[in-house]
Amino acid sequence: MSFSSTMQPDTRKLLRTGLWIFGTGSLAILAAFTVLGGVGRQGPHTNSGWLALVLAMGCLPTGTLTLVLAFMKLFADRHR
């Protein structure tokens, strides 16, 4: 039995949404450290860097919690 055959449509949507949110936060923090001026002791050096940092601070925890919920639901679906 594979994951895809036992996965409910709402579980798939939770996984996809969590990955998109977490991926957006990851790209934002990567951009803040590389192409948007870098980050020093007192924070990012540019306004765009600050915006990317705020975006990452919102997306990373939200995406992580959504992924945790999706994985818990995935394992609950497998035991039904």
N, C-alpha and C. Protein backbone atom coordinates (compact mmCIF):
# COMPACT_ATOMS: atom_id res chain seq x y z
N MET A 1 0.85 -1.18 0.00
CA MET A 1 0.00 0.00 0.00
C MET A 1 0.89 1.24 0.00
N SER A 2 0.68 2.13 -0.94
CA SER A 2 1.51 3.32 -1.04
C SER A 2 0.82 4.51 -0.39
N PHE A 3 1.60 5.57 -0.18
CA PHE A 3 1.04 6.78 0.42
C PHE A 3 -0.04 7.39 -0.45
N SER A 4 0.19 7.41 -1.76
CA SER A 4 -0.74 8.11 -2.64
C SER A 4 -2.09 7.43 -2.70
N SER A 5 -2.14 6.09 -2.53
CA SER A 5 -3.43 5.41 -2.60
C SER A 5 -4.25 5.61 -1.32
N THR A 6 -3.59 5.86 -0.19
CA THR A 6 -4.32 6.02 1.06
C THR A 6 -4.51 7.48 1.44
N MET A 7 -3.93 8.39 0.68
CA MET A 7 -4.00 9.80 1.04
C MET A 7 -5.33 10.40 0.63
N GLN A 8 -5.99 11.05 1.57
CA GLN A 8 -7.24 11.73 1.32
C GLN A 8 -6.96 13.04 0.57
N PRO A 9 -7.94 13.55 -0.19
CA PRO A 9 -7.72 14.81 -0.92
C PRO A 9 -7.41 15.99 0.00
N ASP A 10 -8.03 16.03 1.18
CA ASP A 10 -7.75 17.14 2.09
C ASP A 10 -6.35 17.04 2.68
N THR A 11 -5.85 15.82 2.87
CA THR A 11 -4.48 15.63 3.35
C THR A 11 -3.49 16.10 2.31
N ARG A 12 -3.75 15.77 1.05
CA ARG A 12 -2.88 16.21 -0.04
C ARG A 12 -2.86 17.73 -0.13
N LYS A 13 -4.02 18.35 0.05
CA LYS A 13 -4.09 19.81 0.00
C LYS A 13 -3.32 20.44 1.17
N LEU A 14 -3.43 19.85 2.37
CA LEU A 14 -2.66 20.34 3.52
C LEU A 14 -1.16 20.24 3.27
N LEU A 15 -0.72 19.11 2.73
CA LEU A 15 0.71 18.94 2.44
C LEU A 15 1.19 19.96 1.41
N ARG A 16 0.41 20.13 0.36
CA ARG A 16 0.79 21.07 -0.69
C ARG A 16 0.85 22.49 -0.15
N THR A 17 -0.16 22.87 0.63
CA THR A 17 -0.21 24.22 1.19
C THR A 17 0.95 24.45 2.16
N GLY A 18 1.21 23.49 3.03
CA GLY A 18 2.32 23.61 3.97
C GLY A 18 3.66 23.74 3.27
N LEU A 19 3.85 22.96 2.21
CA LEU A 19 5.11 23.05 1.47
C LEU A 19 5.26 24.39 0.78
N TRP A 20 4.17 24.92 0.22
CA TRP A 20 4.24 26.24 -0.43
C TRP A 20 4.56 27.34 0.58
N ILE A 21 3.90 27.31 1.73
CA ILE A 21 4.14 28.34 2.74
C ILE A 21 5.57 28.24 3.26
N PHE A 22 6.00 27.03 3.60
CA PHE A 22 7.36 26.84 4.13
C PHE A 22 8.40 27.20 3.06
N GLY A 23 8.13 26.82 1.81
CA GLY A 23 9.06 27.15 0.72
C GLY A 23 9.18 28.65 0.51
N THR A 24 8.07 29.35 0.62
CA THR A 24 8.10 30.81 0.48
C THR A 24 8.96 31.44 1.57
N GLY A 25 8.80 30.98 2.81
CA GLY A 25 9.62 31.49 3.91
C GLY A 25 11.10 31.17 3.73
N SER A 26 11.37 29.97 3.25
CA SER A 26 12.77 29.57 3.02
C SER A 26 13.42 30.42 1.94
N LEU A 27 12.70 30.66 0.86
CA LEU A 27 13.24 31.51 -0.20
C LEU A 27 13.43 32.95 0.28
N ALA A 28 12.51 33.44 1.11
CA ALA A 28 12.63 34.80 1.62
C ALA A 28 13.86 34.96 2.50
N ILE A 29 14.12 34.01 3.38
CA ILE A 29 15.29 34.14 4.27
C ILE A 29 16.58 33.95 3.48
N LEU A 30 16.54 33.06 2.48
CA LEU A 30 17.71 32.88 1.63
C LEU A 30 18.00 34.16 0.85
N ALA A 31 16.97 34.81 0.34
CA ALA A 31 17.15 36.06 -0.39
C ALA A 31 17.66 37.17 0.53
N ALA A 32 17.16 37.22 1.76
CA ALA A 32 17.60 38.26 2.70
C ALA A 32 19.10 38.13 2.99
N PHE A 33 19.58 36.90 3.08
CA PHE A 33 20.99 36.69 3.39
C PHE A 33 21.90 36.82 2.18
N THR A 34 21.35 36.69 0.97
CA THR A 34 22.23 36.70 -0.21
C THR A 34 22.02 37.94 -1.07
N VAL A 35 20.92 38.04 -1.78
CA VAL A 35 20.76 39.07 -2.80
C VAL A 35 20.15 40.37 -2.29
N LEU A 36 19.62 40.40 -1.08
CA LEU A 36 18.97 41.62 -0.58
C LEU A 36 19.83 42.37 0.44
N GLY A 37 21.12 42.27 0.33
CA GLY A 37 22.01 43.08 1.14
C GLY A 37 22.63 42.41 2.34
N GLY A 38 22.19 41.23 2.67
CA GLY A 38 22.76 40.52 3.81
C GLY A 38 22.15 40.95 5.13
N VAL A 39 22.57 40.25 6.18
CA VAL A 39 22.06 40.51 7.53
C VAL A 39 23.25 40.66 8.47
N GLY A 40 23.24 41.75 9.22
CA GLY A 40 24.30 41.99 10.19
C GLY A 40 23.80 41.77 11.61
N ARG A 41 24.57 42.28 12.58
CA ARG A 41 24.19 42.12 13.99
C ARG A 41 22.89 42.83 14.33
N GLN A 42 22.60 43.92 13.64
CA GLN A 42 21.40 44.70 13.94
C GLN A 42 20.29 44.46 12.93
N GLY A 43 20.41 43.42 12.14
CA GLY A 43 19.36 43.08 11.20
C GLY A 43 19.80 43.28 9.76
N PRO A 44 18.85 43.14 8.84
CA PRO A 44 19.16 43.31 7.42
C PRO A 44 19.64 44.73 7.12
N HIS A 45 20.39 44.85 6.03
CA HIS A 45 20.97 46.14 5.66
C HIS A 45 20.08 46.97 4.75
N THR A 46 19.04 46.37 4.16
CA THR A 46 18.18 47.10 3.23
C THR A 46 16.72 46.95 3.64
N ASN A 47 15.89 47.84 3.11
CA ASN A 47 14.46 47.73 3.36
C ASN A 47 13.89 46.43 2.79
N SER A 48 14.36 46.04 1.63
CA SER A 48 13.92 44.77 1.04
C SER A 48 14.32 43.59 1.91
N GLY A 49 15.49 43.68 2.51
CA GLY A 49 15.92 42.62 3.42
C GLY A 49 15.01 42.52 4.63
N TRP A 50 14.59 43.66 5.16
CA TRP A 50 13.66 43.65 6.29
C TRP A 50 12.33 43.04 5.89
N LEU A 51 11.85 43.39 4.71
CA LEU A 51 10.59 42.82 4.23
C LEU A 51 10.70 41.31 4.08
N ALA A 52 11.80 40.84 3.53
CA ALA A 52 12.01 39.41 3.39
C ALA A 52 12.10 38.72 4.75
N LEU A 53 12.73 39.38 5.72
CA LEU A 53 12.83 38.81 7.06
C LEU A 53 11.46 38.70 7.71
N VAL A 54 10.64 39.73 7.58
CA VAL A 54 9.29 39.69 8.14
C VAL A 54 8.46 38.61 7.46
N LEU A 55 8.59 38.49 6.14
CA LEU A 55 7.88 37.44 5.41
C LEU A 55 8.31 36.06 5.91
N ALA A 56 9.60 35.87 6.08
CA ALA A 56 10.10 34.58 6.56
C ALA A 56 9.62 34.29 7.98
N MET A 57 9.59 35.33 8.83
CA MET A 57 9.14 35.12 10.21
C MET A 57 7.66 34.76 10.28
N GLY A 58 6.90 35.11 9.28
CA GLY A 58 5.50 34.72 9.24
C GLY A 58 5.31 33.36 8.59
N CYS A 59 6.04 33.10 7.53
CA CYS A 59 5.83 31.88 6.75
C CYS A 59 6.46 30.63 7.37
N LEU A 60 7.64 30.74 7.94
CA LEU A 60 8.31 29.54 8.45
C LEU A 60 7.55 28.87 9.59
N PRO A 61 7.11 29.58 10.62
CA PRO A 61 6.34 28.90 11.67
C PRO A 61 4.99 28.39 11.17
N THR A 62 4.31 29.18 10.34
CA THR A 62 3.01 28.77 9.82
C THR A 62 3.15 27.54 8.93
N GLY A 63 4.14 27.55 8.06
CA GLY A 63 4.38 26.40 7.19
C GLY A 63 4.77 25.16 7.97
N THR A 64 5.59 25.32 9.01
CA THR A 64 5.99 24.19 9.83
C THR A 64 4.78 23.57 10.53
N LEU A 65 3.94 24.40 11.13
CA LEU A 65 2.75 23.88 11.81
C LEU A 65 1.78 23.22 10.84
N THR A 66 1.64 23.78 9.64
CA THR A 66 0.77 23.18 8.63
C THR A 66 1.32 21.82 8.20
N LEU A 67 2.63 21.72 8.03
CA LEU A 67 3.23 20.44 7.66
C LEU A 67 3.10 19.41 8.77
N VAL A 68 3.26 19.83 10.02
CA VAL A 68 3.09 18.91 11.14
C VAL A 68 1.66 18.37 11.16
N LEU A 69 0.69 19.26 10.98
CA LEU A 69 -0.70 18.84 10.93
C LEU A 69 -0.94 17.88 9.77
N ALA A 70 -0.36 18.17 8.61
CA ALA A 70 -0.54 17.30 7.44
C ALA A 70 0.06 15.93 7.67
N PHE A 71 1.26 15.87 8.27
CA PHE A 71 1.88 14.57 8.53
C PHE A 71 1.11 13.78 9.57
N MET A 72 0.59 14.46 10.58
CA MET A 72 -0.22 13.76 11.58
C MET A 72 -1.48 13.20 10.94
N LYS A 73 -2.10 13.97 10.07
CA LYS A 73 -3.30 13.51 9.37
C LYS A 73 -2.96 12.37 8.41
N LEU A 74 -1.81 12.44 7.76
CA LEU A 74 -1.38 11.39 6.85
C LEU A 74 -1.23 10.06 7.59
N PHE A 75 -0.58 10.10 8.74
CA PHE A 75 -0.40 8.87 9.52
C PHE A 75 -1.71 8.39 10.12
N ALA A 76 -2.61 9.28 10.47
CA ALA A 76 -3.93 8.87 10.96
C ALA A 76 -4.73 8.22 9.84
N ASP A 77 -4.62 8.75 8.61
CA ASP A 77 -5.32 8.15 7.47
C ASP A 77 -4.79 6.77 7.16
N ARG A 78 -3.52 6.54 7.36
CA ARG A 78 -2.93 5.23 7.07
C ARG A 78 -3.43 4.16 8.03
N HIS A 79 -3.79 4.55 9.26
CA HIS A 79 -4.23 3.57 10.26
C HIS A 79 -5.71 3.28 10.20
N ARG A 80 -6.43 3.95 9.31
CA ARG A 80 -7.86 3.66 9.15
C ARG A 80 -8.09 2.50 8.26
